[in-house]
Amino acid sequence: MRTKSTAAFLTLLVLVPGLWAVAPQAVLHSLKGKVEVRTSADADWAPAAEGEILNISETLSTGFDSSVVVAMGKTTLQVKPLTRMTVDKLVQEGSVLKTSTFLRVGSVSASVKSAEGVKQDFQVQSPYSTASVRGTEFTFDGLRLKVTDGVVSFVPGRPQRDLQTSASTGGRTSSPPESDFAGAPDTPADPGKAVPVSAGNDAKIVVTFQGAPPQTVHSDDLSNLQQSSGLVQSLPSIPTTPPPPPARTTSSGGVFLTIQYGP
């Protein structure tokens, strides 16, 4: 004989479609070469496996000539060689699937697709900029953006990380390590200076230091990946001459981040 609570629960299932729906997950597929996962900044790197779930705040790393596809529902993120990234948020709120990833170094190609009845709010953040979309395809390495389908909102500057709380932190949002922004100027992002980049266009962040000696973009993550892969590559130099007229410029303390069109 069914209890009243059981009957009430079954009624709830009928009245609330999707109650049995599985919570969104980031699943690793199509692993090639050296692909590793680290659960925290002080943990050891461990080899990733096909079908493994990448949990919130875990870091994914690829070596030389290595890659992996992160599937989040119908949306896929192809993680390219010499890349380190983290999924900061992956949660469905009502009819909107909110996804935020942080690209510390490297490059990704995203294909953002919406399921029936579910809208996408998807962004890739980096120490230099943020690329956000509702449904499109693009390639992004933190400084350079190439859009192949749809429109991407491109915002220069250091973003405010969009972090999801988890049971492991007791429901609290833990602060990301400052080393995630090592090598990037402390120039805050201004959403009001977003630039829409449409399909078929390239855009890039140009960093200019006014009244300062030439500087070089430095990333411990990139250096470590190159060393572990036996590579010796020079890091890109930051230009010190003023750029051409900007599309949008964000500045702080004599540092200017400018979005320009072109490869």
C-alpha atoms as a PDB file:
ATOM      1  CA  MET A   1       0.000   0.000   0.000  1.00  0.00           C
ATOM      2  CA  ARG A   2       1.410   3.341  -1.073  1.00  0.00           C
ATOM      3  CA  THR A   3       2.012   5.936   1.598  1.00  0.00           C
ATOM      4  CA  LYS A   4       0.842   9.528   1.216  1.00  0.00           C
ATOM      5  CA  SER A   5       4.442  10.704   0.844  1.00  0.00           C
ATOM      6  CA  THR A   6       5.093   8.236  -1.994  1.00  0.00           C
ATOM      7  CA  ALA A   7       1.929   9.306  -3.776  1.00  0.00           C
ATOM      8  CA  ALA A   8       2.871  12.939  -3.368  1.00  0.00           C
ATOM      9  CA  PHE A   9       6.339  12.279  -4.788  1.00  0.00           C
ATOM     10  CA  LEU A  10       4.928  10.479  -7.830  1.00  0.00           C
ATOM     11  CA  THR A  11       2.571  13.380  -8.384  1.00  0.00           C
ATOM     12  CA  LEU A  12       5.549  15.748  -8.237  1.00  0.00           C
ATOM     13  CA  LEU A  13       7.324  13.754 -10.934  1.00  0.00           C
ATOM     14  CA  VAL A  14       4.323  14.202 -13.212  1.00  0.00           C
ATOM     15  CA  LEU A  15       3.990  17.913 -12.510  1.00  0.00           C
ATOM     16  CA  VAL A  16       7.712  18.704 -12.783  1.00  0.00           C
ATOM     17  CA  PRO A  17       9.130  17.421 -16.083  1.00  0.00           C
ATOM     18  CA  GLY A  18      12.819  16.592 -16.064  1.00  0.00           C
ATOM     19  CA  LEU A  19      13.007  15.915 -12.325  1.00  0.00           C
ATOM     20  CA  TRP A  20      14.818  12.677 -13.155  1.00  0.00           C
ATOM     21  CA  ALA A  21      17.182  14.524 -15.517  1.00  0.00           C
ATOM     22  CA  VAL A  22      20.848  13.907 -14.839  1.00  0.00           C
ATOM     23  CA  ALA A  23      22.798  16.924 -13.598  1.00  0.00           C
ATOM     24  CA  PRO A  24      25.055  18.369 -16.335  1.00  0.00           C
ATOM     25  CA  GLN A  25      28.530  16.874 -16.429  1.00  0.00           C
ATOM     26  CA  ALA A  26      31.808  17.470 -18.257  1.00  0.00           C
ATOM     27  CA  VAL A  27      32.880  14.142 -19.771  1.00  0.00           C
ATOM     28  CA  LEU A  28      36.261  13.458 -21.388  1.00  0.00           C
ATOM     29  CA  HIS A  29      36.311  11.837 -24.835  1.00  0.00           C
ATOM     30  CA  SER A  30      38.696  11.231 -27.739  1.00  0.00           C
ATOM     31  CA  LEU A  31      41.869  11.381 -25.658  1.00  0.00           C
ATOM     32  CA  LYS A  32      45.093  11.651 -27.618  1.00  0.00           C
ATOM     33  CA  GLY A  33      48.610  11.631 -26.183  1.00  0.00           C
ATOM     34  CA  LYS A  34      49.333  12.944 -22.705  1.00  0.00           C
ATOM     35  CA  VAL A  35      46.124  14.094 -21.000  1.00  0.00           C
ATOM     36  CA  GLU A  36      46.130  14.600 -17.224  1.00  0.00           C
ATOM     37  CA  VAL A  37      43.836  15.831 -14.453  1.00  0.00           C
ATOM     38  CA  ARG A  38      44.715  17.477 -11.151  1.00  0.00           C
ATOM     39  CA  THR A  39      42.100  17.717  -8.409  1.00  0.00           C
ATOM     40  CA  SER A  40      43.724  20.691  -6.639  1.00  0.00           C
ATOM     41  CA  ALA A  41      46.777  22.941  -6.825  1.00  0.00           C
ATOM     42  CA  ASP A  42      48.728  20.784  -4.352  1.00  0.00           C
ATOM     43  CA  ALA A  43      47.685  17.417  -5.808  1.00  0.00           C
ATOM     44  CA  ASP A  44      49.687  15.274  -8.218  1.00  0.00           C
ATOM     45  CA  TRP A  45      48.780  15.022 -11.881  1.00  0.00           C
ATOM     46  CA  ALA A  46      46.997  11.774 -12.794  1.00  0.00           C
ATOM     47  CA  PRO A  47      46.405  10.289 -16.266  1.00  0.00           C
ATOM     48  CA  ALA A  48      42.893  10.983 -17.577  1.00  0.00           C
ATOM     49  CA  ALA A  49      40.683   8.200 -18.914  1.00  0.00           C
ATOM     50  CA  GLU A  50      38.095   7.916 -21.655  1.00  0.00           C
ATOM     51  CA  GLY A  51      34.656   8.694 -20.235  1.00  0.00           C
ATOM     52  CA  GLU A  52      36.071  10.261 -17.062  1.00  0.00           C
ATOM     53  CA  ILE A  53      34.045  13.070 -15.514  1.00  0.00           C
ATOM     54  CA  LEU A  54      35.937  16.334 -15.041  1.00  0.00           C
ATOM     55  CA  ASN A  55      34.638  17.729 -11.770  1.00  0.00           C
ATOM     56  CA  ILE A  56      34.193  21.399 -10.974  1.00  0.00           C
ATOM     57  CA  SER A  57      37.530  23.135 -10.105  1.00  0.00           C
ATOM     58  CA  GLU A  58      39.684  20.242 -11.374  1.00  0.00           C
ATOM     59  CA  THR A  59      42.394  21.205 -13.876  1.00  0.00           C
ATOM     60  CA  LEU A  60      42.754  19.483 -17.238  1.00  0.00           C
ATOM     61  CA  SER A  61      46.173  19.447 -18.928  1.00  0.00           C
ATOM     62  CA  THR A  62      47.351  18.356 -22.380  1.00  0.00           C
ATOM     63  CA  GLY A  63      50.933  17.792 -23.495  1.00  0.00           C
ATOM     64  CA  PHE A  64      52.675  18.196 -26.842  1.00  0.00           C
ATOM     65  CA  ASP A  65      50.678  16.736 -29.759  1.00  0.00           C
ATOM     66  CA  SER A  66      47.914  15.833 -27.277  1.00  0.00           C
ATOM     67  CA  SER A  67      44.239  16.710 -27.145  1.00  0.00           C
ATOM     68  CA  VAL A  68      40.914  15.814 -25.580  1.00  0.00           C
ATOM     69  CA  VAL A  69      37.245  16.631 -26.141  1.00  0.00           C
ATOM     70  CA  VAL A  70      35.171  17.791 -23.168  1.00  0.00           C
ATOM     71  CA  ALA A  71      31.479  17.045 -23.782  1.00  0.00           C
ATOM     72  CA  MET A  72      28.921  19.007 -21.776  1.00  0.00           C
ATOM     73  CA  GLY A  73      25.580  17.883 -23.122  1.00  0.00           C
ATOM     74  CA  LYS A  74      25.431  18.926 -26.780  1.00  0.00           C
ATOM     75  CA  THR A  75      28.233  21.433 -26.277  1.00  0.00           C
ATOM     76  CA  THR A  76      31.784  20.255 -26.929  1.00  0.00           C
ATOM     77  CA  LEU A  77      35.116  21.849 -26.116  1.00  0.00           C
ATOM     78  CA  GLN A  78      38.121  20.549 -28.033  1.00  0.00           C
ATOM     79  CA  VAL A  79      41.175  21.105 -25.828  1.00  0.00           C
ATOM     80  CA  LYS A  80      44.284  21.514 -27.969  1.00  0.00           C
ATOM     81  CA  PRO A  81      47.957  20.691 -27.224  1.00  0.00           C
ATOM     82  CA  LEU A  82      49.837  22.475 -24.405  1.00  0.00           C
ATOM     83  CA  THR A  83      46.651  23.627 -22.691  1.00  0.00           C
ATOM     84  CA  ARG A  84      45.519  23.868 -19.084  1.00  0.00           C
ATOM     85  CA  MET A  85      41.905  24.670 -18.281  1.00  0.00           C
ATOM     86  CA  THR A  86      39.331  24.334 -15.511  1.00  0.00           C
ATOM     87  CA  VAL A  87      35.554  24.057 -15.497  1.00  0.00           C
ATOM     88  CA  ASP A  88      34.502  26.707 -12.974  1.00  0.00           C
ATOM     89  CA  LYS A  89      30.745  26.298 -13.337  1.00  0.00           C
ATOM     90  CA  LEU A  90      28.390  23.815 -14.980  1.00  0.00           C
ATOM     91  CA  VAL A  91      24.863  24.085 -13.661  1.00  0.00           C
ATOM     92  CA  GLN A  92      21.353  24.265 -15.066  1.00  0.00           C
ATOM     93  CA  GLU A  93      19.226  27.047 -13.611  1.00  0.00           C
ATOM     94  CA  GLY A  94      15.679  26.751 -14.863  1.00  0.00           C
ATOM     95  CA  SER A  95      15.835  26.527 -18.648  1.00  0.00           C
ATOM     96  CA  VAL A  96      19.371  27.945 -18.860  1.00  0.00           C
ATOM     97  CA  LEU A  97      22.557  25.858 -18.769  1.00  0.00           C
ATOM     98  CA  LYS A  98      25.309  28.066 -17.330  1.00  0.00           C
ATOM     99  CA  THR A  99      28.867  27.042 -18.155  1.00  0.00           C
ATOM    100  CA  SER A 100      32.057  28.902 -17.272  1.00  0.00           C
ATOM    101  CA  THR A 101      35.548  27.601 -18.026  1.00  0.00           C
ATOM    102  CA  PHE A 102      38.938  29.153 -17.252  1.00  0.00           C
ATOM    103  CA  LEU A 103      41.705  28.826 -19.828  1.00  0.00           C
ATOM    104  CA  ARG A 104      45.002  29.327 -17.986  1.00  0.00           C
ATOM    105  CA  VAL A 105      47.145  28.679 -21.041  1.00  0.00           C
ATOM    106  CA  GLY A 106      46.696  27.071 -24.449  1.00  0.00           C
ATOM    107  CA  SER A 107      43.813  26.980 -26.893  1.00  0.00           C
ATOM    108  CA  VAL A 108      40.319  25.502 -27.205  1.00  0.00           C
ATOM    109  CA  SER A 109      37.707  25.212 -29.934  1.00  0.00           C
ATOM    110  CA  ALA A 110      34.105  25.369 -28.749  1.00  0.00           C
ATOM    111  CA  SER A 111      30.910  24.206 -30.392  1.00  0.00           C
ATOM    112  CA  VAL A 112      28.033  25.519 -28.280  1.00  0.00           C
ATOM    113  CA  LYS A 113      24.717  23.820 -29.046  1.00  0.00           C
ATOM    114  CA  SER A 114      21.404  24.076 -27.222  1.00  0.00           C
ATOM    115  CA  ALA A 115      19.231  21.103 -26.360  1.00  0.00           C
ATOM    116  CA  GLU A 116      15.476  21.352 -26.853  1.00  0.00           C
ATOM    117  CA  GLY A 117      14.015  23.697 -24.257  1.00  0.00           C
ATOM    118  CA  VAL A 118      17.453  24.579 -22.804  1.00  0.00           C
ATOM    119  CA  LYS A 119      19.293  27.829 -23.543  1.00  0.00           C
ATOM    120  CA  GLN A 120      23.060  28.190 -23.327  1.00  0.00           C
ATOM    121  CA  ASP A 121      24.987  30.734 -21.267  1.00  0.00           C
ATOM    122  CA  PHE A 122      28.562  29.716 -22.074  1.00  0.00           C
ATOM    123  CA  GLN A 123      31.854  31.523 -21.510  1.00  0.00           C
ATOM    124  CA  VAL A 124      35.589  30.866 -21.646  1.00  0.00           C
ATOM    125  CA  GLN A 125      37.604  33.149 -19.360  1.00  0.00           C
ATOM    126  CA  SER A 126      41.353  33.747 -19.452  1.00  0.00           C
ATOM    127  CA  PRO A 127      43.789  36.024 -17.613  1.00  0.00           C
ATOM    128  CA  TYR A 128      43.405  38.537 -20.463  1.00  0.00           C
ATOM    129  CA  SER A 129      39.816  38.346 -21.673  1.00  0.00           C
ATOM    130  CA  THR A 130      36.450  36.586 -21.788  1.00  0.00           C
ATOM    131  CA  ALA A 131      34.611  35.056 -24.754  1.00  0.00           C
ATOM    132  CA  SER A 132      30.913  34.411 -24.134  1.00  0.00           C
ATOM    133  CA  VAL A 133      28.188  33.068 -26.389  1.00  0.00           C
ATOM    134  CA  ARG A 134      24.659  31.710 -26.501  1.00  0.00           C
ATOM    135  CA  GLY A 135      25.273  29.279 -29.360  1.00  0.00           C
ATOM    136  CA  THR A 136      28.156  29.354 -31.815  1.00  0.00           C
ATOM    137  CA  GLU A 137      31.538  27.909 -32.805  1.00  0.00           C
ATOM    138  CA  PHE A 138      34.884  29.552 -32.115  1.00  0.00           C
ATOM    139  CA  THR A 139      38.574  29.013 -31.332  1.00  0.00           C
ATOM    140  CA  PHE A 140      40.143  30.917 -28.436  1.00  0.00           C
ATOM    141  CA  ASP A 141      43.529  31.047 -26.701  1.00  0.00           C
ATOM    142  CA  GLY A 142      42.956  33.921 -24.281  1.00  0.00           C
ATOM    143  CA  LEU A 143      44.488  36.519 -26.596  1.00  0.00           C
ATOM    144  CA  ARG A 144      43.240  35.512 -30.041  1.00  0.00           C
ATOM    145  CA  LEU A 145      39.666  34.701 -31.072  1.00  0.00           C
ATOM    146  CA  LYS A 146      38.479  33.174 -34.351  1.00  0.00           C
ATOM    147  CA  VAL A 147      34.712  32.846 -34.865  1.00  0.00           C
ATOM    148  CA  THR A 148      33.449  30.296 -37.379  1.00  0.00           C
ATOM    149  CA  ASP A 149      29.715  30.417 -36.622  1.00  0.00           C
ATOM    150  CA  GLY A 150      27.424  32.822 -34.762  1.00  0.00           C
ATOM    151  CA  VAL A 151      28.582  35.784 -32.664  1.00  0.00           C
ATOM    152  CA  VAL A 152      30.972  35.894 -29.695  1.00  0.00           C
ATOM    153  CA  SER A 153      31.020  38.680 -27.111  1.00  0.00           C
ATOM    154  CA  PHE A 154      34.708  39.497 -26.553  1.00  0.00           C
ATOM    155  CA  VAL A 155      35.625  41.401 -23.353  1.00  0.00           C
ATOM    156  CA  PRO A 156      39.217  42.559 -22.657  1.00  0.00           C
ATOM    157  CA  GLY A 157      40.668  42.488 -19.151  1.00  0.00           C
ATOM    158  CA  ARG A 158      41.054  40.224 -16.141  1.00  0.00           C
ATOM    159  CA  PRO A 159      37.647  38.663 -15.441  1.00  0.00           C
ATOM    160  CA  GLN A 160      35.898  37.993 -12.189  1.00  0.00           C
ATOM    161  CA  ARG A 161      35.927  34.189 -12.073  1.00  0.00           C
ATOM    162  CA  ASP A 162      32.421  32.715 -12.185  1.00  0.00           C
ATOM    163  CA  LEU A 163      32.802  29.874  -9.671  1.00  0.00           C
ATOM    164  CA  GLN A 164      30.277  27.231  -8.729  1.00  0.00           C
ATOM    165  CA  THR A 165      29.909  26.152  -5.120  1.00  0.00           C
ATOM    166  CA  SER A 166      30.320  22.469  -4.369  1.00  0.00           C
ATOM    167  CA  ALA A 167      29.777  19.984  -1.591  1.00  0.00           C
ATOM    168  CA  SER A 168      33.549  19.653  -1.181  1.00  0.00           C
ATOM    169  CA  THR A 169      33.742  23.266  -0.036  1.00  0.00           C
ATOM    170  CA  GLY A 170      30.725  23.035   2.241  1.00  0.00           C
ATOM    171  CA  GLY A 171      28.671  25.146  -0.123  1.00  0.00           C
ATOM    172  CA  ARG A 172      31.252  27.950  -0.101  1.00  0.00           C
ATOM    173  CA  THR A 173      32.916  29.359  -3.188  1.00  0.00           C
ATOM    174  CA  SER A 174      36.682  28.918  -2.895  1.00  0.00           C
ATOM    175  CA  SER A 175      38.959  31.609  -4.303  1.00  0.00           C
ATOM    176  CA  PRO A 176      41.134  30.573  -7.270  1.00  0.00           C
ATOM    177  CA  PRO A 177      44.907  30.812  -6.774  1.00  0.00           C
ATOM    178  CA  GLU A 178      46.476  34.129  -7.778  1.00  0.00           C
ATOM    179  CA  SER A 179      48.970  32.114  -9.850  1.00  0.00           C
ATOM    180  CA  ASP A 180      46.138  31.527 -12.341  1.00  0.00           C
ATOM    181  CA  PHE A 181      46.715  35.116 -13.440  1.00  0.00           C
ATOM    182  CA  ALA A 182      50.525  35.080 -13.332  1.00  0.00           C
ATOM    183  CA  GLY A 183      52.020  37.047 -16.207  1.00  0.00           C
ATOM    184  CA  ALA A 184      48.831  38.936 -17.017  1.00  0.00           C
ATOM    185  CA  PRO A 185      48.404  42.632 -16.215  1.00  0.00           C
ATOM    186  CA  ASP A 186      46.029  43.501 -13.391  1.00  0.00           C
ATOM    187  CA  THR A 187      43.577  45.267 -15.669  1.00  0.00           C
ATOM    188  CA  PRO A 188      39.973  44.477 -14.694  1.00  0.00           C
ATOM    189  CA  ALA A 189      37.441  43.495 -17.324  1.00  0.00           C
ATOM    190  CA  ASP A 190      34.756  46.021 -18.214  1.00  0.00           C
ATOM    191  CA  PRO A 191      31.659  44.235 -19.633  1.00  0.00           C
ATOM    192  CA  GLY A 192      30.551  47.583 -21.045  1.00  0.00           C
ATOM    193  CA  LYS A 193      33.485  47.404 -23.472  1.00  0.00           C
ATOM    194  CA  ALA A 194      32.551  44.070 -24.998  1.00  0.00           C
ATOM    195  CA  VAL A 195      33.081  43.720 -28.741  1.00  0.00           C
ATOM    196  CA  PRO A 196      30.746  41.471 -30.776  1.00  0.00           C
ATOM    197  CA  VAL A 197      32.822  39.317 -33.129  1.00  0.00           C
ATOM    198  CA  SER A 198      30.783  37.620 -35.839  1.00  0.00           C
ATOM    199  CA  ALA A 199      31.448  34.524 -37.945  1.00  0.00           C
ATOM    200  CA  GLY A 200      34.329  34.828 -40.392  1.00  0.00           C
ATOM    201  CA  ASN A 201      36.211  37.353 -38.265  1.00  0.00           C
ATOM    202  CA  ASP A 202      39.355  37.197 -36.138  1.00  0.00           C
ATOM    203  CA  ALA A 203      40.045  39.460 -33.164  1.00  0.00           C
ATOM    204  CA  LYS A 204      42.921  39.727 -30.727  1.00  0.00           C
ATOM    205  CA  ILE A 205      43.964  41.365 -27.477  1.00  0.00           C
ATOM    206  CA  VAL A 206      46.928  43.748 -27.853  1.00  0.00           C
ATOM    207  CA  VAL A 207      48.690  44.576 -24.573  1.00  0.00           C
ATOM    208  CA  THR A 208      50.553  47.901 -24.409  1.00  0.00           C
ATOM    209  CA  PHE A 209      52.659  49.188 -21.500  1.00  0.00           C
ATOM    210  CA  GLN A 210      52.993  52.964 -21.506  1.00  0.00           C
ATOM    211  CA  GLY A 211      56.130  54.398 -19.917  1.00  0.00           C
ATOM    212  CA  ALA A 212      57.485  50.977 -18.997  1.00  0.00           C
ATOM    213  CA  PRO A 213      60.331  48.823 -20.375  1.00  0.00           C
ATOM    214  CA  PRO A 214      59.470  45.949 -22.758  1.00  0.00           C
ATOM    215  CA  GLN A 215      57.926  42.995 -20.980  1.00  0.00           C
ATOM    216  CA  THR A 216      57.271  39.393 -21.891  1.00  0.00           C
ATOM    217  CA  VAL A 217      54.178  37.321 -21.331  1.00  0.00           C
ATOM    218  CA  HIS A 218      55.177  34.674 -18.813  1.00  0.00           C
ATOM    219  CA  SER A 219      53.270  31.587 -17.779  1.00  0.00           C
ATOM    220  CA  ASP A 220      54.612  28.914 -15.463  1.00  0.00           C
ATOM    221  CA  ASP A 221      51.953  26.569 -16.868  1.00  0.00           C
ATOM    222  CA  LEU A 222      53.225  26.998 -20.419  1.00  0.00           C
ATOM    223  CA  SER A 223      56.848  26.639 -19.317  1.00  0.00           C
ATOM    224  CA  ASN A 224      56.054  23.429 -17.425  1.00  0.00           C
ATOM    225  CA  LEU A 225      54.122  21.982 -20.352  1.00  0.00           C
ATOM    226  CA  GLN A 226      56.928  22.796 -22.763  1.00  0.00           C
ATOM    227  CA  GLN A 227      59.588  21.308 -20.490  1.00  0.00           C
ATOM    228  CA  SER A 228      57.640  18.114 -19.891  1.00  0.00           C
ATOM    229  CA  SER A 229      57.154  17.788 -23.654  1.00  0.00           C
ATOM    230  CA  GLY A 230      60.821  18.453 -24.456  1.00  0.00           C
ATOM    231  CA  LEU A 231      59.998  21.689 -26.240  1.00  0.00           C
ATOM    232  CA  VAL A 232      61.877  24.961 -26.215  1.00  0.00           C
ATOM    233  CA  GLN A 233      59.700  27.787 -27.465  1.00  0.00           C
ATOM    234  CA  SER A 234      60.005  31.526 -27.026  1.00  0.00           C
ATOM    235  CA  LEU A 235      57.090  33.195 -25.312  1.00  0.00           C
ATOM    236  CA  PRO A 236      55.278  36.005 -27.130  1.00  0.00           C
ATOM    237  CA  SER A 237      56.528  39.535 -26.517  1.00  0.00           C
ATOM    238  CA  ILE A 238      54.106  42.239 -25.470  1.00  0.00           C
ATOM    239  CA  PRO A 239      54.299  45.212 -27.855  1.00  0.00           C
ATOM    240  CA  THR A 240      55.379  48.499 -26.286  1.00  0.00           C
ATOM    241  CA  THR A 241      54.324  50.854 -29.070  1.00  0.00           C
ATOM    242  CA  PRO A 242      50.797  52.276 -29.149  1.00  0.00           C
ATOM    243  CA  PRO A 243      48.455  50.181 -31.315  1.00  0.00           C
ATOM    244  CA  PRO A 244      46.294  51.520 -34.156  1.00  0.00           C
ATOM    245  CA  PRO A 245      42.904  53.060 -33.261  1.00  0.00           C
ATOM    246  CA  PRO A 246      41.209  50.536 -30.976  1.00  0.00           C
ATOM    247  CA  ALA A 247      37.870  48.833 -31.193  1.00  0.00           C
ATOM    248  CA  ARG A 248      37.700  48.864 -27.384  1.00  0.00           C
ATOM    249  CA  THR A 249      40.386  49.631 -24.815  1.00  0.00           C
ATOM    250  CA  THR A 250      40.532  48.773 -21.118  1.00  0.00           C
ATOM    251  CA  SER A 251      43.308  50.439 -19.123  1.00  0.00           C
ATOM    252  CA  SER A 252      44.728  50.344 -15.610  1.00  0.00           C
ATOM    253  CA  GLY A 253      47.981  51.783 -14.225  1.00  0.00           C
ATOM    254  CA  GLY A 254      49.465  52.558 -17.620  1.00  0.00           C
ATOM    255  CA  VAL A 255      48.560  49.163 -19.105  1.00  0.00           C
ATOM    256  CA  PHE A 256      46.177  49.112 -22.063  1.00  0.00           C
ATOM    257  CA  LEU A 257      44.310  46.041 -23.351  1.00  0.00           C
ATOM    258  CA  THR A 258      42.927  46.696 -26.806  1.00  0.00           C
ATOM    259  CA  ILE A 259      40.750  44.504 -29.028  1.00  0.00           C
ATOM    260  CA  GLN A 260      41.721  44.675 -32.676  1.00  0.00           C
ATOM    261  CA  TYR A 261      40.355  42.848 -35.692  1.00  0.00           C
ATOM    262  CA  GLY A 262      42.614  40.758 -37.875  1.00  0.00           C
ATOM    263  CA  PRO A 263      44.670  37.571 -37.497  1.00  0.00           C
END
